């Protein structure tokens, strides 16, 4: 069963990011950080992550978008500030369509949530440091056995699942 760790907006945290990484790195097929770690490009905490450059990241080696293929799922990872995600998902949906992604992961707003619009699943893992709209600092795990049942569960940075903060959807291509 493929599984992906998604985190964002850690804003200088090192111990927490390292703990989340160590907790899950041997059970996931990919680790995505949607930006604003405020860490250097070669920071130990970011090793192994697909990293999207946030508006608080200034390393020239960081890329604005990452396209990650995990099994039969193509995931676009970005921070979101370049796609106006605080106002609308439309520009990000255009980018996801352009690159053929079924999932678009982003941060920037610090608000944990998931929404499927047409055939694209949008995931914001929230902020592992400065959450908005809820008190818990969060990250997420996405997993699936087949694309007709894709499951997303949010976690507190301490590793406990957040009750009631989960999403299940169908991403299988319709004929």
C-alpha atoms as a PDB file:
ATOM      1  CA  UNK A   1       0.000   0.000   0.000  1.00  0.00           C
ATOM      2  CA  UNK A   2       1.732   3.216  -1.135  1.00  0.00           C
ATOM      3  CA  UNK A   3       1.974   5.909   1.501  1.00  0.00           C
ATOM      4  CA  UNK A   4       3.172   9.540   1.389  1.00  0.00           C
ATOM      5  CA  UNK A   5       4.103  11.858   4.269  1.00  0.00           C
ATOM      6  CA  UNK A   6       3.098  15.505   3.682  1.00  0.00           C
ATOM      7  CA  UNK A   7       4.229  18.394   5.881  1.00  0.00           C
ATOM      8  CA  UNK A   8       4.425  22.169   5.464  1.00  0.00           C
ATOM      9  CA  UNK A   9       5.129  25.472   7.166  1.00  0.00           C
ATOM     10  CA  UNK A  10       7.484  24.217   9.867  1.00  0.00           C
ATOM     11  CA  UNK A  11       9.076  27.703  10.094  1.00  0.00           C
ATOM     12  CA  UNK A  12      12.412  26.920  11.691  1.00  0.00           C
ATOM     13  CA  UNK A  13      11.470  23.765  13.601  1.00  0.00           C
ATOM     14  CA  UNK A  14      14.224  21.179  13.546  1.00  0.00           C
ATOM     15  CA  UNK A  15      13.571  18.642  16.322  1.00  0.00           C
ATOM     16  CA  UNK A  16       9.901  18.232  15.374  1.00  0.00           C
ATOM     17  CA  UNK A  17      10.596  17.828  11.640  1.00  0.00           C
ATOM     18  CA  UNK A  18      13.352  15.320  12.394  1.00  0.00           C
ATOM     19  CA  UNK A  19      11.051  13.378  14.762  1.00  0.00           C
ATOM     20  CA  UNK A  20       8.251  13.226  12.165  1.00  0.00           C
ATOM     21  CA  UNK A  21      10.736  12.109   9.530  1.00  0.00           C
ATOM     22  CA  UNK A  22      12.206   9.398  11.778  1.00  0.00           C
ATOM     23  CA  UNK A  23       8.740   8.242  12.842  1.00  0.00           C
ATOM     24  CA  UNK A  24       7.547   7.636   9.267  1.00  0.00           C
ATOM     25  CA  UNK A  25      10.497   7.389   6.854  1.00  0.00           C
ATOM     26  CA  UNK A  26      10.569   3.575   6.870  1.00  0.00           C
ATOM     27  CA  UNK A  27       6.830   3.182   6.232  1.00  0.00           C
ATOM     28  CA  UNK A  28       6.363   5.750   3.446  1.00  0.00           C
ATOM     29  CA  UNK A  29       7.265   5.710  -0.228  1.00  0.00           C
ATOM     30  CA  UNK A  30       7.827   9.480  -0.386  1.00  0.00           C
ATOM     31  CA  UNK A  31       8.123  12.465   1.935  1.00  0.00           C
ATOM     32  CA  UNK A  32       6.939  15.888   0.766  1.00  0.00           C
ATOM     33  CA  UNK A  33       7.571  19.243   2.429  1.00  0.00           C
ATOM     34  CA  UNK A  34       5.433  22.015   0.944  1.00  0.00           C
ATOM     35  CA  UNK A  35       7.815  24.784   1.943  1.00  0.00           C
ATOM     36  CA  UNK A  36       8.527  27.431   4.542  1.00  0.00           C
ATOM     37  CA  UNK A  37      10.833  25.262   6.616  1.00  0.00           C
ATOM     38  CA  UNK A  38      13.212  28.236   6.771  1.00  0.00           C
ATOM     39  CA  UNK A  39      16.032  25.677   6.824  1.00  0.00           C
ATOM     40  CA  UNK A  40      18.985  25.470   4.484  1.00  0.00           C
ATOM     41  CA  UNK A  41      18.714  23.383   1.336  1.00  0.00           C
ATOM     42  CA  UNK A  42      21.129  20.797   2.734  1.00  0.00           C
ATOM     43  CA  UNK A  43      19.680  20.676   6.274  1.00  0.00           C
ATOM     44  CA  UNK A  44      19.706  17.161   7.739  1.00  0.00           C
ATOM     45  CA  UNK A  45      16.010  17.483   8.598  1.00  0.00           C
ATOM     46  CA  UNK A  46      15.097  17.934   4.911  1.00  0.00           C
ATOM     47  CA  UNK A  47      17.178  15.046   3.554  1.00  0.00           C
ATOM     48  CA  UNK A  48      14.899  12.579   1.818  1.00  0.00           C
ATOM     49  CA  UNK A  49      12.099  15.106   1.273  1.00  0.00           C
ATOM     50  CA  UNK A  50      10.793  16.381  -2.021  1.00  0.00           C
ATOM     51  CA  UNK A  51      10.871  20.060  -1.155  1.00  0.00           C
ATOM     52  CA  UNK A  52       8.885  22.964  -2.627  1.00  0.00           C
ATOM     53  CA  UNK A  53      10.295  26.430  -1.989  1.00  0.00           C
ATOM     54  CA  UNK A  54       8.074  28.658   0.136  1.00  0.00           C
ATOM     55  CA  UNK A  55       7.863  32.429   0.386  1.00  0.00           C
ATOM     56  CA  UNK A  56      10.045  32.295   3.535  1.00  0.00           C
ATOM     57  CA  UNK A  57      12.719  30.110   1.877  1.00  0.00           C
ATOM     58  CA  UNK A  58      15.594  31.810   0.132  1.00  0.00           C
ATOM     59  CA  UNK A  59      17.919  29.011  -0.957  1.00  0.00           C
ATOM     60  CA  UNK A  60      18.536  29.289  -4.719  1.00  0.00           C
ATOM     61  CA  UNK A  61      18.774  25.479  -5.060  1.00  0.00           C
ATOM     62  CA  UNK A  62      15.161  25.019  -3.921  1.00  0.00           C
ATOM     63  CA  UNK A  63      12.521  24.566  -6.625  1.00  0.00           C
ATOM     64  CA  UNK A  64       9.068  26.172  -6.604  1.00  0.00           C
ATOM     65  CA  UNK A  65       7.320  22.948  -7.636  1.00  0.00           C
ATOM     66  CA  UNK A  66       8.115  19.257  -7.361  1.00  0.00           C
ATOM     67  CA  UNK A  67       6.369  16.553  -9.357  1.00  0.00           C
ATOM     68  CA  UNK A  68       6.413  13.249  -7.475  1.00  0.00           C
ATOM     69  CA  UNK A  69       5.341   9.899  -8.925  1.00  0.00           C
ATOM     70  CA  UNK A  70       4.386   7.328  -6.276  1.00  0.00           C
ATOM     71  CA  UNK A  71       3.017   4.131  -7.756  1.00  0.00           C
ATOM     72  CA  UNK A  72       0.137   5.079 -10.023  1.00  0.00           C
ATOM     73  CA  UNK A  73      -0.348   8.510  -8.468  1.00  0.00           C
ATOM     74  CA  UNK A  74       1.251  11.733  -9.703  1.00  0.00           C
ATOM     75  CA  UNK A  75       1.559  14.410  -7.004  1.00  0.00           C
ATOM     76  CA  UNK A  76       2.318  18.097  -7.504  1.00  0.00           C
ATOM     77  CA  UNK A  77       4.001  19.652  -4.469  1.00  0.00           C
ATOM     78  CA  UNK A  78       4.220  23.423  -4.156  1.00  0.00           C
ATOM     79  CA  UNK A  79       4.003  26.026  -1.420  1.00  0.00           C
ATOM     80  CA  UNK A  80       1.028  27.817  -2.925  1.00  0.00           C
ATOM     81  CA  UNK A  81       1.997  31.472  -2.687  1.00  0.00           C
ATOM     82  CA  UNK A  82       2.693  31.561  -6.432  1.00  0.00           C
ATOM     83  CA  UNK A  83      -0.808  30.166  -7.089  1.00  0.00           C
ATOM     84  CA  UNK A  84      -2.847  32.477  -4.801  1.00  0.00           C
ATOM     85  CA  UNK A  85      -4.077  29.535  -2.668  1.00  0.00           C
ATOM     86  CA  UNK A  86      -5.333  31.853   0.073  1.00  0.00           C
ATOM     87  CA  UNK A  87      -7.964  33.135  -2.381  1.00  0.00           C
ATOM     88  CA  UNK A  88      -8.723  30.306  -4.813  1.00  0.00           C
ATOM     89  CA  UNK A  89      -7.559  26.881  -5.948  1.00  0.00           C
ATOM     90  CA  UNK A  90      -8.087  27.739  -9.633  1.00  0.00           C
ATOM     91  CA  UNK A  91      -4.477  28.626 -10.603  1.00  0.00           C
ATOM     92  CA  UNK A  92      -3.190  25.557  -8.736  1.00  0.00           C
ATOM     93  CA  UNK A  93      -5.785  23.368 -10.468  1.00  0.00           C
ATOM     94  CA  UNK A  94      -4.574  24.657 -13.852  1.00  0.00           C
ATOM     95  CA  UNK A  95      -0.982  23.812 -12.911  1.00  0.00           C
ATOM     96  CA  UNK A  96      -1.973  20.337 -11.680  1.00  0.00           C
ATOM     97  CA  UNK A  97      -3.837  19.682 -14.939  1.00  0.00           C
ATOM     98  CA  UNK A  98      -0.886  20.977 -16.958  1.00  0.00           C
ATOM     99  CA  UNK A  99       1.513  18.464 -15.358  1.00  0.00           C
ATOM    100  CA  UNK A 100      -1.032  15.623 -15.186  1.00  0.00           C
ATOM    101  CA  UNK A 101      -1.177  15.462 -11.373  1.00  0.00           C
ATOM    102  CA  UNK A 102      -4.100  13.804  -9.606  1.00  0.00           C
ATOM    103  CA  UNK A 103      -3.040  15.335  -6.270  1.00  0.00           C
ATOM    104  CA  UNK A 104      -1.857  18.871  -5.517  1.00  0.00           C
ATOM    105  CA  UNK A 105      -0.176  19.397  -2.132  1.00  0.00           C
ATOM    106  CA  UNK A 106       0.370  22.921  -0.869  1.00  0.00           C
ATOM    107  CA  UNK A 107       0.850  24.968   2.290  1.00  0.00           C
ATOM    108  CA  UNK A 108       1.083  28.727   2.786  1.00  0.00           C
ATOM    109  CA  UNK A 109      -2.310  29.269   4.473  1.00  0.00           C
ATOM    110  CA  UNK A 110      -1.422  27.126   7.527  1.00  0.00           C
ATOM    111  CA  UNK A 111      -4.956  25.659   7.360  1.00  0.00           C
ATOM    112  CA  UNK A 112      -5.232  21.867   7.324  1.00  0.00           C
ATOM    113  CA  UNK A 113      -7.765  20.579   4.843  1.00  0.00           C
ATOM    114  CA  UNK A 114      -8.504  18.473   1.798  1.00  0.00           C
ATOM    115  CA  UNK A 115     -10.904  18.961  -1.055  1.00  0.00           C
ATOM    116  CA  UNK A 116     -11.517  17.122  -4.304  1.00  0.00           C
ATOM    117  CA  UNK A 117     -12.393  19.407  -7.196  1.00  0.00           C
ATOM    118  CA  UNK A 118     -13.280  17.595 -10.411  1.00  0.00           C
ATOM    119  CA  UNK A 119     -10.562  14.924 -10.649  1.00  0.00           C
ATOM    120  CA  UNK A 120      -7.880  16.570  -8.478  1.00  0.00           C
ATOM    121  CA  UNK A 121      -7.381  16.093  -4.744  1.00  0.00           C
ATOM    122  CA  UNK A 122      -6.043  19.238  -3.063  1.00  0.00           C
ATOM    123  CA  UNK A 123      -4.225  18.672   0.235  1.00  0.00           C
ATOM    124  CA  UNK A 124      -2.967  21.240   2.694  1.00  0.00           C
ATOM    125  CA  UNK A 125      -1.253  19.457   5.602  1.00  0.00           C
ATOM    126  CA  UNK A 126      -1.630  22.564   7.746  1.00  0.00           C
ATOM    127  CA  UNK A 127       1.317  23.935   9.672  1.00  0.00           C
ATOM    128  CA  UNK A 128       3.580  21.958  11.944  1.00  0.00           C
ATOM    129  CA  UNK A 129       4.434  25.178  13.781  1.00  0.00           C
ATOM    130  CA  UNK A 130       1.811  27.910  13.431  1.00  0.00           C
ATOM    131  CA  UNK A 131      -1.604  26.374  12.695  1.00  0.00           C
ATOM    132  CA  UNK A 132      -4.576  28.551  11.810  1.00  0.00           C
ATOM    133  CA  UNK A 133      -8.228  27.540  12.290  1.00  0.00           C
ATOM    134  CA  UNK A 134      -7.251  24.820  14.786  1.00  0.00           C
ATOM    135  CA  UNK A 135      -4.963  24.565  17.777  1.00  0.00           C
ATOM    136  CA  UNK A 136      -3.040  21.418  16.813  1.00  0.00           C
ATOM    137  CA  UNK A 137       0.128  21.619  14.707  1.00  0.00           C
ATOM    138  CA  UNK A 138      -0.405  19.089  11.911  1.00  0.00           C
ATOM    139  CA  UNK A 139       0.982  16.975   9.106  1.00  0.00           C
ATOM    140  CA  UNK A 140      -0.698  14.311   6.960  1.00  0.00           C
ATOM    141  CA  UNK A 141      -0.311  10.795   5.589  1.00  0.00           C
ATOM    142  CA  UNK A 142      -1.857   9.853   2.238  1.00  0.00           C
ATOM    143  CA  UNK A 143      -2.264   6.150   1.409  1.00  0.00           C
ATOM    144  CA  UNK A 144      -4.092   3.906  -1.053  1.00  0.00           C
ATOM    145  CA  UNK A 145      -4.363   0.296  -2.141  1.00  0.00           C
ATOM    146  CA  UNK A 146      -6.081   1.338  -5.337  1.00  0.00           C
ATOM    147  CA  UNK A 147      -7.005   4.743  -6.686  1.00  0.00           C
ATOM    148  CA  UNK A 148     -10.695   4.129  -6.060  1.00  0.00           C
ATOM    149  CA  UNK A 149     -10.052   4.474  -2.318  1.00  0.00           C
ATOM    150  CA  UNK A 150      -7.448   7.072  -1.410  1.00  0.00           C
ATOM    151  CA  UNK A 151      -7.255   7.880   2.307  1.00  0.00           C
ATOM    152  CA  UNK A 152      -5.813  10.937   3.984  1.00  0.00           C
ATOM    153  CA  UNK A 153      -5.291  11.134   7.751  1.00  0.00           C
ATOM    154  CA  UNK A 154      -4.032  14.178   9.653  1.00  0.00           C
ATOM    155  CA  UNK A 155      -1.722  13.859  12.654  1.00  0.00           C
ATOM    156  CA  UNK A 156      -0.590  16.061  15.513  1.00  0.00           C
ATOM    157  CA  UNK A 157       3.177  16.638  15.344  1.00  0.00           C
ATOM    158  CA  UNK A 158       3.470  14.289  18.331  1.00  0.00           C
ATOM    159  CA  UNK A 159       2.314  11.432  16.064  1.00  0.00           C
ATOM    160  CA  UNK A 160      -1.250  11.017  17.307  1.00  0.00           C
ATOM    161  CA  UNK A 161      -3.999  10.906  14.663  1.00  0.00           C
ATOM    162  CA  UNK A 162      -6.437  13.810  14.882  1.00  0.00           C
ATOM    163  CA  UNK A 163      -9.912  12.416  15.289  1.00  0.00           C
ATOM    164  CA  UNK A 164     -12.363  13.687  12.698  1.00  0.00           C
ATOM    165  CA  UNK A 165      -9.644  15.134  10.465  1.00  0.00           C
ATOM    166  CA  UNK A 166      -9.493  12.602   7.641  1.00  0.00           C
ATOM    167  CA  UNK A 167     -10.653  12.379   4.039  1.00  0.00           C
ATOM    168  CA  UNK A 168     -11.387   9.449   1.708  1.00  0.00           C
ATOM    169  CA  UNK A 169     -11.987   9.808  -2.010  1.00  0.00           C
ATOM    170  CA  UNK A 170     -11.854   8.103  -5.392  1.00  0.00           C
ATOM    171  CA  UNK A 171      -9.107   9.179  -7.821  1.00  0.00           C
ATOM    172  CA  UNK A 172      -9.522   6.358 -10.340  1.00  0.00           C
ATOM    173  CA  UNK A 173      -9.784   7.578 -13.921  1.00  0.00           C
ATOM    174  CA  UNK A 174     -13.345   7.399 -15.219  1.00  0.00           C
ATOM    175  CA  UNK A 175     -13.876   6.043 -18.706  1.00  0.00           C
END
